[in-house]
Amino acid sequence: MDAVFMALADATRRGMIHRLSEGPATIGELGRPFAISKPAVTKHVKMLERAGLVTRRKDGRVHHCKLNAKPMKEAEDWIEKHRKFWEGSLDRLASLLDEPERE
């Protein structure tokens, strides 16, 4: 899960994930909106692959990428579990702070 959070920590990679959420794309298509070199695009895609967020299929010289959302769902589940815990803890603290002072 660390690899997923690390991959999503970068705005360029999040943009690539957003593009792939609309459907498969080539590496060139993924890099087009960003002012970065082709080797930089490839590095970003490799990081997404290592995190399990992207699968790549090679067709000659063209690399086709596809989103695999399962690792993001696992990260979402982890975040949701901890969100519920912290919201409950903060709600209990707020209740304690709202009580009138006891002597």
PDB file of N, CA and C in Angstrom:
ATOM      1  N   MET A   1       0.817  -1.181   0.000  1.00  0.00           N
ATOM      2  CA  MET A   1       0.000   0.000   0.000  1.00  0.00           C
ATOM      3  C   MET A   1       0.870   1.258   0.000  1.00  0.00           C
ATOM      4  N   ASP A   2       2.069   1.179   0.563  1.00  0.00           N
ATOM      5  CA  ASP A   2       2.979   2.333   0.539  1.00  0.00           C
ATOM      6  C   ASP A   2       3.258   2.772  -0.889  1.00  0.00           C
ATOM      7  N   ALA A   3       3.425   1.809  -1.792  1.00  0.00           N
ATOM      8  CA  ALA A   3       3.721   2.136  -3.189  1.00  0.00           C
ATOM      9  C   ALA A   3       2.554   2.879  -3.835  1.00  0.00           C
ATOM     10  N   VAL A   4       1.331   2.544  -3.454  1.00  0.00           N
ATOM     11  CA  VAL A   4       0.154   3.230  -3.993  1.00  0.00           C
ATOM     12  C   VAL A   4       0.152   4.680  -3.535  1.00  0.00           C
ATOM     13  N   PHE A   5       0.360   4.903  -2.231  1.00  0.00           N
ATOM     14  CA  PHE A   5       0.370   6.275  -1.722  1.00  0.00           C
ATOM     15  C   PHE A   5       1.528   7.073  -2.315  1.00  0.00           C
ATOM     16  N   MET A   6       2.675   6.429  -2.479  1.00  0.00           N
ATOM     17  CA  MET A   6       3.820   7.113  -3.074  1.00  0.00           C
ATOM     18  C   MET A   6       3.523   7.485  -4.534  1.00  0.00           C
ATOM     19  N   ALA A   7       2.903   6.575  -5.258  1.00  0.00           N
ATOM     20  CA  ALA A   7       2.567   6.848  -6.661  1.00  0.00           C
ATOM     21  C   ALA A   7       1.559   7.986  -6.765  1.00  0.00           C
ATOM     22  N   LEU A   8       0.596   8.016  -5.861  1.00  0.00           N
ATOM     23  CA  LEU A   8      -0.447   9.038  -5.903  1.00  0.00           C
ATOM     24  C   LEU A   8       0.002  10.374  -5.317  1.00  0.00           C
ATOM     25  N   ALA A   9       1.181  10.406  -4.724  1.00  0.00           N
ATOM     26  CA  ALA A   9       1.681  11.642  -4.116  1.00  0.00           C
ATOM     27  C   ALA A   9       2.087  12.680  -5.157  1.00  0.00           C
ATOM     28  N   ASP A  10       2.248  12.260  -6.390  1.00  0.00           N
ATOM     29  CA  ASP A  10       2.718  13.161  -7.446  1.00  0.00           C
ATOM     30  C   ASP A  10       1.550  13.601  -8.331  1.00  0.00           C
ATOM     31  N   ALA A  11       1.451  14.910  -8.577  1.00  0.00           N
ATOM     32  CA  ALA A  11       0.340  15.456  -9.370  1.00  0.00           C
ATOM     33  C   ALA A  11       0.330  14.926 -10.805  1.00  0.00           C
ATOM     34  N   THR A  12       1.508  14.726 -11.392  1.00  0.00           N
ATOM     35  CA  THR A  12       1.564  14.199 -12.761  1.00  0.00           C
ATOM     36  C   THR A  12       0.984  12.799 -12.811  1.00  0.00           C
ATOM     37  N   ARG A  13       1.362  11.959 -11.856  1.00  0.00           N
ATOM     38  CA  ARG A  13       0.842  10.589 -11.842  1.00  0.00           C
ATOM     39  C   ARG A  13      -0.658  10.576 -11.544  1.00  0.00           C
ATOM     40  N   ARG A  14      -1.118  11.478 -10.677  1.00  0.00           N
ATOM     41  CA  ARG A  14      -2.562  11.558 -10.438  1.00  0.00           C
ATOM     42  C   ARG A  14      -3.290  11.961 -11.717  1.00  0.00           C
ATOM     43  N   GLY A  15      -2.685  12.865 -12.485  1.00  0.00           N
ATOM     44  CA  GLY A  15      -3.269  13.255 -13.768  1.00  0.00           C
ATOM     45  C   GLY A  15      -3.330  12.085 -14.733  1.00  0.00           C
ATOM     46  N   MET A  16      -2.296  11.266 -14.738  1.00  0.00           N
ATOM     47  CA  MET A  16      -2.280  10.083 -15.600  1.00  0.00           C
ATOM     48  C   MET A  16      -3.367   9.094 -15.174  1.00  0.00           C
ATOM     49  N   ILE A  17      -3.516   8.919 -13.865  1.00  0.00           N
ATOM     50  CA  ILE A  17      -4.566   8.032 -13.349  1.00  0.00           C
ATOM     51  C   ILE A  17      -5.935   8.575 -13.764  1.00  0.00           C
ATOM     52  N   HIS A  18      -6.121   9.882 -13.657  1.00  0.00           N
ATOM     53  CA  HIS A  18      -7.390  10.489 -14.060  1.00  0.00           C
ATOM     54  C   HIS A  18      -7.655  10.206 -15.542  1.00  0.00           C
ATOM     55  N   ARG A  19      -6.638  10.381 -16.374  1.00  0.00           N
ATOM     56  CA  ARG A  19      -6.802  10.110 -17.813  1.00  0.00           C
ATOM     57  C   ARG A  19      -7.166   8.653 -18.052  1.00  0.00           C
ATOM     58  N   LEU A  20      -6.494   7.740 -17.343  1.00  0.00           N
ATOM     59  CA  LEU A  20      -6.764   6.316 -17.527  1.00  0.00           C
ATOM     60  C   LEU A  20      -8.136   5.917 -16.987  1.00  0.00           C
ATOM     61  N   SER A  21      -8.689   6.708 -16.081  1.00  0.00           N
ATOM     62  CA  SER A  21     -10.040   6.405 -15.587  1.00  0.00           C
ATOM     63  C   SER A  21     -11.077   6.578 -16.702  1.00  0.00           C
ATOM     64  N   GLU A  22     -10.699   7.297 -17.748  1.00  0.00           N
ATOM     65  CA  GLU A  22     -11.581   7.489 -18.904  1.00  0.00           C
ATOM     66  C   GLU A  22     -11.424   6.379 -19.938  1.00  0.00           C
ATOM     67  N   GLY A  23     -10.390   5.555 -19.790  1.00  0.00           N
ATOM     68  CA  GLY A  23     -10.151   4.451 -20.712  1.00  0.00           C
ATOM     69  C   GLY A  23      -8.673   4.279 -20.984  1.00  0.00           C
ATOM     70  N   PRO A  24      -8.284   3.174 -21.631  1.00  0.00           N
ATOM     71  CA  PRO A  24      -6.874   2.910 -21.928  1.00  0.00           C
ATOM     72  C   PRO A  24      -6.246   4.036 -22.760  1.00  0.00           C
ATOM     73  N   ALA A  25      -4.925   4.161 -22.640  1.00  0.00           N
ATOM     74  CA  ALA A  25      -4.187   5.195 -23.387  1.00  0.00           C
ATOM     75  C   ALA A  25      -2.770   4.716 -23.643  1.00  0.00           C
ATOM     76  N   THR A  26      -2.161   5.275 -24.666  1.00  0.00           N
ATOM     77  CA  THR A  26      -0.747   4.986 -24.927  1.00  0.00           C
ATOM     78  C   THR A  26       0.097   5.863 -24.006  1.00  0.00           C
ATOM     79  N   ILE A  27       1.369   5.529 -23.895  1.00  0.00           N
ATOM     80  CA  ILE A  27       2.271   6.345 -23.078  1.00  0.00           C
ATOM     81  C   ILE A  27       2.339   7.763 -23.636  1.00  0.00           C
ATOM     82  N   GLY A  28       2.345   7.891 -24.957  1.00  0.00           N
ATOM     83  CA  GLY A  28       2.358   9.226 -25.571  1.00  0.00           C
ATOM     84  C   GLY A  28       1.129  10.032 -25.198  1.00  0.00           C
ATOM     85  N   GLU A  29      -0.034   9.389 -25.202  1.00  0.00           N
ATOM     86  CA  GLU A  29      -1.271  10.073 -24.819  1.00  0.00           C
ATOM     87  C   GLU A  29      -1.248  10.479 -23.353  1.00  0.00           C
ATOM     88  N   LEU A  30      -0.671   9.633 -22.507  1.00  0.00           N
ATOM     89  CA  LEU A  30      -0.595   9.965 -21.082  1.00  0.00           C
ATOM     90  C   LEU A  30       0.310  11.169 -20.830  1.00  0.00           C
ATOM     91  N   GLY A  31       1.382  11.275 -21.591  1.00  0.00           N
ATOM     92  CA  GLY A  31       2.344  12.352 -21.380  1.00  0.00           C
ATOM     93  C   GLY A  31       1.979  13.663 -22.047  1.00  0.00           C
ATOM     94  N   ARG A  32       1.085  13.622 -23.018  1.00  0.00           N
ATOM     95  CA  ARG A  32       0.756  14.812 -23.815  1.00  0.00           C
ATOM     96  C   ARG A  32       0.375  16.039 -22.994  1.00  0.00           C
ATOM     97  N   PRO A  33      -0.449  15.944 -21.948  1.00  0.00           N
ATOM     98  CA  PRO A  33      -0.851  17.155 -21.217  1.00  0.00           C
ATOM     99  C   PRO A  33       0.250  17.763 -20.341  1.00  0.00           C
ATOM    100  N   PHE A  34       1.362  17.053 -20.181  1.00  0.00           N
ATOM    101  CA  PHE A  34       2.403  17.499 -19.261  1.00  0.00           C
ATOM    102  C   PHE A  34       3.638  17.981 -20.012  1.00  0.00           C
ATOM    103  N   ALA A  35       4.277  18.999 -19.481  1.00  0.00           N
ATOM    104  CA  ALA A  35       5.498  19.544 -20.094  1.00  0.00           C
ATOM    105  C   ALA A  35       6.709  18.768 -19.573  1.00  0.00           C
ATOM    106  N   ILE A  36       6.748  17.461 -19.893  1.00  0.00           N
ATOM    107  CA  ILE A  36       7.871  16.626 -19.459  1.00  0.00           C
ATOM    108  C   ILE A  36       8.337  15.773 -20.639  1.00  0.00           C
ATOM    109  N   SER A  37       9.555  15.275 -20.530  1.00  0.00           N
ATOM    110  CA  SER A  37      10.143  14.473 -21.607  1.00  0.00           C
ATOM    111  C   SER A  37       9.514  13.078 -21.652  1.00  0.00           C
ATOM    112  N   LYS A  38       9.710  12.401 -22.778  1.00  0.00           N
ATOM    113  CA  LYS A  38       9.195  11.026 -22.907  1.00  0.00           C
ATOM    114  C   LYS A  38       9.824  10.096 -21.872  1.00  0.00           C
ATOM    115  N   PRO A  39      11.155  10.219 -21.604  1.00  0.00           N
ATOM    116  CA  PRO A  39      11.710   9.363 -20.546  1.00  0.00           C
ATOM    117  C   PRO A  39      11.073   9.633 -19.175  1.00  0.00           C
ATOM    118  N   ALA A  40      10.717  10.888 -18.906  1.00  0.00           N
ATOM    119  CA  ALA A  40      10.057  11.208 -17.630  1.00  0.00           C
ATOM    120  C   ALA A  40       8.663  10.587 -17.582  1.00  0.00           C
ATOM    121  N   VAL A  41       7.953  10.616 -18.693  1.00  0.00           N
ATOM    122  CA  VAL A  41       6.627   9.991 -18.760  1.00  0.00           C
ATOM    123  C   VAL A  41       6.767   8.502 -18.471  1.00  0.00           C
ATOM    124  N   THR A  42       7.750   7.874 -19.086  1.00  0.00           N
ATOM    125  CA  THR A  42       7.981   6.439 -18.880  1.00  0.00           C
ATOM    126  C   THR A  42       8.288   6.143 -17.421  1.00  0.00           C
ATOM    127  N   LYS A  43       9.091   6.983 -16.770  1.00  0.00           N
ATOM    128  CA  LYS A  43       9.397   6.778 -15.342  1.00  0.00           C
ATOM    129  C   LYS A  43       8.133   6.856 -14.500  1.00  0.00           C
ATOM    130  N   HIS A  44       7.275   7.822 -14.801  1.00  0.00           N
ATOM    131  CA  HIS A  44       6.027   7.943 -14.049  1.00  0.00           C
ATOM    132  C   HIS A  44       5.157   6.701 -14.259  1.00  0.00           C
ATOM    133  N   VAL A  45       5.059   6.236 -15.485  1.00  0.00           N
ATOM    134  CA  VAL A  45       4.246   5.053 -15.774  1.00  0.00           C
ATOM    135  C   VAL A  45       4.825   3.835 -15.055  1.00  0.00           C
ATOM    136  N   LYS A  46       6.141   3.708 -15.026  1.00  0.00           N
ATOM    137  CA  LYS A  46       6.772   2.576 -14.329  1.00  0.00           C
ATOM    138  C   LYS A  46       6.435   2.603 -12.843  1.00  0.00           C
ATOM    139  N   MET A  47       6.407   3.795 -12.254  1.00  0.00           N
ATOM    140  CA  MET A  47       6.067   3.887 -10.836  1.00  0.00           C
ATOM    141  C   MET A  47       4.610   3.473 -10.611  1.00  0.00           C
ATOM    142  N   LEU A  48       3.734   3.880 -11.516  1.00  0.00           N
ATOM    143  CA  LEU A  48       2.335   3.465 -11.420  1.00  0.00           C
ATOM    144  C   LEU A  48       2.203   1.950 -11.587  1.00  0.00           C
ATOM    145  N   GLU A  49       3.026   1.378 -12.472  1.00  0.00           N
ATOM    146  CA  GLU A  49       3.025  -0.081 -12.666  1.00  0.00           C
ATOM    147  C   GLU A  49       3.495  -0.791 -11.401  1.00  0.00           C
ATOM    148  N   ARG A  50       4.580  -0.309 -10.806  1.00  0.00           N
ATOM    149  CA  ARG A  50       5.110  -0.933  -9.585  1.00  0.00           C
ATOM    150  C   ARG A  50       4.079  -0.903  -8.458  1.00  0.00           C
ATOM    151  N   ALA A  51       3.248   0.138  -8.440  1.00  0.00           N
ATOM    152  CA  ALA A  51       2.206   0.248  -7.415  1.00  0.00           C
ATOM    153  C   ALA A  51       0.995  -0.625  -7.762  1.00  0.00           C
ATOM    154  N   GLY A  52       1.002  -1.215  -8.946  1.00  0.00           N
ATOM    155  CA  GLY A  52      -0.099  -2.060  -9.375  1.00  0.00           C
ATOM    156  C   GLY A  52      -1.289  -1.282  -9.912  1.00  0.00           C
ATOM    157  N   LEU A  53      -1.117   0.024 -10.111  1.00  0.00           N
ATOM    158  CA  LEU A  53      -2.222   0.868 -10.569  1.00  0.00           C
ATOM    159  C   LEU A  53      -2.408   0.840 -12.080  1.00  0.00           C
ATOM    160  N   VAL A  54      -1.373   0.432 -12.799  1.00  0.00           N
ATOM    161  CA  VAL A  54      -1.401   0.443 -14.265  1.00  0.00           C
ATOM    162  C   VAL A  54      -0.845  -0.870 -14.788  1.00  0.00           C
ATOM    163  N   THR A  55      -1.476  -1.388 -15.833  1.00  0.00           N
ATOM    164  CA  THR A  55      -0.908  -2.506 -16.575  1.00  0.00           C
ATOM    165  C   THR A  55      -0.549  -1.977 -17.959  1.00  0.00           C
ATOM    166  N   ARG A  56       0.523  -2.538 -18.501  1.00  0.00           N
ATOM    167  CA  ARG A  56       1.002  -2.062 -19.800  1.00  0.00           C
ATOM    168  C   ARG A  56       1.107  -3.238 -20.754  1.00  0.00           C
ATOM    169  N   ARG A  57       0.661  -3.004 -21.996  1.00  0.00           N
ATOM    170  CA  ARG A  57       0.758  -4.009 -23.055  1.00  0.00           C
ATOM    171  C   ARG A  57       1.529  -3.378 -24.201  1.00  0.00           C
ATOM    172  N   LYS A  58       2.514  -4.115 -24.684  1.00  0.00           N
ATOM    173  CA  LYS A  58       3.362  -3.618 -25.763  1.00  0.00           C
ATOM    174  C   LYS A  58       2.862  -4.156 -27.097  1.00  0.00           C
ATOM    175  N   ASP A  59       2.680  -3.252 -28.049  1.00  0.00           N
ATOM    176  CA  ASP A  59       2.263  -3.617 -29.401  1.00  0.00           C
ATOM    177  C   ASP A  59       3.274  -2.987 -30.354  1.00  0.00           C
ATOM    178  N   GLY A  60       4.335  -3.737 -30.657  1.00  0.00           N
ATOM    179  CA  GLY A  60       5.439  -3.167 -31.430  1.00  0.00           C
ATOM    180  C   GLY A  60       6.149  -2.120 -30.595  1.00  0.00           C
ATOM    181  N   ARG A  61       6.174  -0.885 -31.094  1.00  0.00           N
ATOM    182  CA  ARG A  61       6.828   0.197 -30.355  1.00  0.00           C
ATOM    183  C   ARG A  61       5.839   0.993 -29.489  1.00  0.00           C
ATOM    184  N   VAL A  62       4.579   0.658 -29.595  1.00  0.00           N
ATOM    185  CA  VAL A  62       3.547   1.395 -28.864  1.00  0.00           C
ATOM    186  C   VAL A  62       3.194   0.648 -27.577  1.00  0.00           C
ATOM    187  N   HIS A  63       3.195   1.380 -26.483  1.00  0.00           N
ATOM    188  CA  HIS A  63       2.841   0.821 -25.184  1.00  0.00           C
ATOM    189  C   HIS A  63       1.447   1.311 -24.810  1.00  0.00           C
ATOM    190  N   HIS A  64       0.534   0.374 -24.578  1.00  0.00           N
ATOM    191  CA  HIS A  64      -0.842   0.694 -24.200  1.00  0.00           C
ATOM    192  C   HIS A  64      -0.985   0.476 -22.699  1.00  0.00           C
ATOM    193  N   CYS A  65      -1.537   1.466 -22.021  1.00  0.00           N
ATOM    194  CA  CYS A  65      -1.697   1.401 -20.567  1.00  0.00           C
ATOM    195  C   CYS A  65      -3.169   1.332 -20.200  1.00  0.00           C
ATOM    196  N   LYS A  66      -3.437   0.620 -19.114  1.00  0.00           N
ATOM    197  CA  LYS A  66      -4.803   0.445 -18.641  1.00  0.00           C
ATOM    198  C   LYS A  66      -4.791   0.582 -17.121  1.00  0.00           C
ATOM    199  N   LEU A  67      -5.808   1.214 -16.568  1.00  0.00           N
ATOM    200  CA  LEU A  67      -5.929   1.413 -15.128  1.00  0.00           C
ATOM    201  C   LEU A  67      -6.355   0.127 -14.439  1.00  0.00           C
ATOM    202  N   ASN A  68      -5.731  -0.149 -13.305  1.00  0.00           N
ATOM    203  CA  ASN A  68      -6.160  -1.220 -12.407  1.00  0.00           C
ATOM    204  C   ASN A  68      -6.529  -0.522 -11.096  1.00  0.00           C
ATOM    205  N   ALA A  69      -7.802  -0.365 -10.838  1.00  0.00           N
ATOM    206  CA  ALA A  69      -8.273   0.414  -9.693  1.00  0.00           C
ATOM    207  C   ALA A  69      -8.254  -0.357  -8.376  1.00  0.00           C
ATOM    208  N   LYS A  70      -7.990  -1.654  -8.408  1.00  0.00           N
ATOM    209  CA  LYS A  70      -8.051  -2.456  -7.175  1.00  0.00           C
ATOM    210  C   LYS A  70      -7.135  -1.921  -6.074  1.00  0.00           C
ATOM    211  N   PRO A  71      -5.867  -1.574  -6.366  1.00  0.00           N
ATOM    212  CA  PRO A  71      -5.021  -1.047  -5.287  1.00  0.00           C
ATOM    213  C   PRO A  71      -5.556   0.264  -4.692  1.00  0.00           C
ATOM    214  N   MET A  72      -6.216   1.091  -5.505  1.00  0.00           N
ATOM    215  CA  MET A  72      -6.794   2.323  -4.972  1.00  0.00           C
ATOM    216  C   MET A  72      -7.976   2.007  -4.059  1.00  0.00           C
ATOM    217  N   LYS A  73      -8.733   0.986  -4.380  1.00  0.00           N
ATOM    218  CA  LYS A  73      -9.854   0.574  -3.532  1.00  0.00           C
ATOM    219  C   LYS A  73      -9.332   0.097  -2.180  1.00  0.00           C
ATOM    220  N   GLU A  74      -8.227  -0.649  -2.191  1.00  0.00           N
ATOM    221  CA  GLU A  74      -7.636  -1.119  -0.938  1.00  0.00           C
ATOM    222  C   GLU A  74      -7.156   0.069  -0.103  1.00  0.00           C
ATOM    223  N   ALA A  75      -6.545   1.070  -0.748  1.00  0.00           N
ATOM    224  CA  ALA A  75      -6.101   2.273  -0.038  1.00  0.00           C
ATOM    225  C   ALA A  75      -7.304   3.045   0.497  1.00  0.00           C
ATOM    226  N   GLU A  76      -8.358   3.129  -0.300  1.00  0.00           N
ATOM    227  CA  GLU A  76      -9.580   3.817   0.137  1.00  0.00           C
ATOM    228  C   GLU A  76     -10.170   3.132   1.367  1.00  0.00           C
ATOM    229  N   ASP A  77     -10.202   1.810   1.365  1.00  0.00           N
ATOM    230  CA  ASP A  77     -10.730   1.058   2.508  1.00  0.00           C
ATOM    231  C   ASP A  77      -9.907   1.341   3.759  1.00  0.00           C
ATOM    232  N   TRP A  78      -8.592   1.397   3.611  1.00  0.00           N
ATOM    233  CA  TRP A  78      -7.706   1.684   4.744  1.00  0.00           C
ATOM    234  C   TRP A  78      -7.964   3.091   5.276  1.00  0.00           C
ATOM    235  N   ILE A  79      -8.073   4.060   4.380  1.00  0.00           N
ATOM    236  CA  ILE A  79      -8.342   5.440   4.780  1.00  0.00           C
ATOM    237  C   ILE A  79      -9.694   5.531   5.484  1.00  0.00           C
ATOM    238  N   GLU A  80     -10.694   4.873   4.936  1.00  0.00           N
ATOM    239  CA  GLU A  80     -12.039   4.922   5.519  1.00  0.00           C
ATOM    240  C   GLU A  80     -12.044   4.358   6.935  1.00  0.00           C
ATOM    241  N   LYS A  81     -11.350   3.262   7.142  1.00  0.00           N
ATOM    242  CA  LYS A  81     -11.271   2.662   8.475  1.00  0.00           C
ATOM    243  C   LYS A  81     -10.678   3.651   9.468  1.00  0.00           C
ATOM    244  N   HIS A  82      -9.597   4.301   9.082  1.00  0.00           N
ATOM    245  CA  HIS A  82      -8.942   5.245   9.985  1.00  0.00           C
ATOM    246  C   HIS A  82      -9.725   6.548  10.113  1.00  0.00           C
ATOM    247  N   ARG A  83     -10.430   6.951   9.075  1.00  0.00           N
ATOM    248  CA  ARG A  83     -11.265   8.155   9.142  1.00  0.00           C
ATOM    249  C   ARG A  83     -12.352   7.970  10.190  1.00  0.00           C
ATOM    250  N   LYS A  84     -12.999   6.816  10.179  1.00  0.00           N
ATOM    251  CA  LYS A  84     -14.059   6.542  11.150  1.00  0.00           C
ATOM    252  C   LYS A  84     -13.512   6.594  12.575  1.00  0.00           C
ATOM    253  N   PHE A  85     -12.340   6.008  12.794  1.00  0.00           N
ATOM    254  CA  PHE A  85     -11.731   6.023  14.120  1.00  0.00           C
ATOM    255  C   PHE A  85     -11.470   7.454  14.575  1.00  0.00           C
ATOM    256  N   TRP A  86     -10.817   8.248  13.727  1.00  0.00           N
ATOM    257  CA  TRP A  86     -10.457   9.605  14.128  1.00  0.00           C
ATOM    258  C   TRP A  86     -11.665  10.512  14.257  1.00  0.00           C
ATOM    259  N   GLU A  87     -12.654  10.355  13.398  1.00  0.00           N
ATOM    260  CA  GLU A  87     -13.870  11.161  13.545  1.00  0.00           C
ATOM    261  C   GLU A  87     -14.567  10.841  14.854  1.00  0.00           C
ATOM    262  N   GLY A  88     -14.628   9.561  15.198  1.00  0.00           N
ATOM    263  CA  GLY A  88     -15.232   9.166  16.478  1.00  0.00           C
ATOM    264  C   GLY A  88     -14.456   9.727  17.651  1.00  0.00           C
ATOM    265  N   SER A  89     -13.135   9.663  17.583  1.00  0.00           N
ATOM    266  CA  SER A  89     -12.300  10.188  18.662  1.00  0.00           C
ATOM    267  C   SER A  89     -12.469  11.697  18.806  1.00  0.00           C
ATOM    268  N   LEU A  90     -12.497  12.395  17.695  1.00  0.00           N
ATOM    269  CA  LEU A  90     -12.651  13.848  17.740  1.00  0.00           C
ATOM    270  C   LEU A  90     -14.048  14.237  18.208  1.00  0.00           C
ATOM    271  N   ASP A  91     -15.056  13.462  17.834  1.00  0.00           N
ATOM    272  CA  ASP A  91     -16.417  13.733  18.317  1.00  0.00           C
ATOM    273  C   ASP A  91     -16.495  13.567  19.830  1.00  0.00           C
ATOM    274  N   ARG A  92     -15.853  12.519  20.367  1.00  0.00           N
ATOM    275  CA  ARG A  92     -15.848  12.305  21.817  1.00  0.00           C
ATOM    276  C   ARG A  92     -15.110  13.443  22.524  1.00  0.00           C
ATOM    277  N   LEU A  93     -14.006  13.886  21.947  1.00  0.00           N
ATOM    278  CA  LEU A  93     -13.263  15.006  22.525  1.00  0.00           C
ATOM    279  C   LEU A  93     -14.110  16.272  22.513  1.00  0.00           C
ATOM    280  N   ALA A  94     -14.794  16.538  21.417  1.00  0.00           N
ATOM    281  CA  ALA A  94     -15.655  17.726  21.334  1.00  0.00           C
ATOM    282  C   ALA A  94     -16.754  17.664  22.384  1.00  0.00           C
ATOM    283  N   SER A  95     -17.313  16.483  22.613  1.00  0.00           N
ATOM    284  CA  SER A  95     -18.350  16.337  23.636  1.00  0.00           C
ATOM    285  C   SER A  95     -17.790  16.654  25.017  1.00  0.00           C
ATOM    286  N   LEU A  96     -16.606  16.168  25.291  1.00  0.00           N
ATOM    287  CA  LEU A  96     -15.975  16.445  26.589  1.00  0.00           C
ATOM    288  C   LEU A  96     -15.691  17.930  26.758  1.00  0.00           C
ATOM    289  N   LEU A  97     -15.250  18.567  25.707  1.00  0.00           N
ATOM    290  CA  LEU A  97     -14.932  19.991  25.787  1.00  0.00           C
ATOM    291  C   LEU A  97     -16.186  20.853  25.894  1.00  0.00           C
ATOM    292  N   ASP A  98     -17.305  20.366  25.376  1.00  0.00           N
ATOM    293  CA  ASP A  98     -18.557  21.108  25.434  1.00  0.00           C
ATOM    294  C   ASP A  98     -19.270  20.979  26.772  1.00  0.00           C
ATOM    295  N   GLU A  99     -18.895  19.973  27.580  1.00  0.00           N
ATOM    296  CA  GLU A  99     -19.534  19.797  28.890  1.00  0.00           C
ATOM    297  C   GLU A  99     -19.183  20.969  29.787  1.00  0.00           C
ATOM    298  N   PRO A 100     -20.145  21.390  30.634  1.00  0.00           N
ATOM    299  CA  PRO A 100     -19.820  22.461  31.584  1.00  0.00           C
ATOM    300  C   PRO A 100     -18.739  21.999  32.556  1.00  0.00           C
ATOM    301  N   GLU A 101     -17.970  22.943  33.023  1.00  0.00           N
ATOM    302  CA  GLU A 101     -16.881  22.591  33.957  1.00  0.00           C
ATOM    303  C   GLU A 101     -17.432  21.952  35.208  1.00  0.00           C
ATOM    304  N   ARG A 102     -16.775  20.897  35.621  1.00  0.00           N
ATOM    305  CA  ARG A 102     -17.139  20.204  36.873  1.00  0.00           C
ATOM    306  C   ARG A 102     -16.249  20.720  37.986  1.00  0.00           C
ATOM    307  N   GLU A 103     -16.841  20.795  39.159  1.00  0.00           N
ATOM    308  CA  GLU A 103     -16.035  21.278  40.289  1.00  0.00           C
ATOM    309  C   GLU A 103     -15.490  20.156  41.086  1.00  0.00           C
TER     310      GLU A 103
END
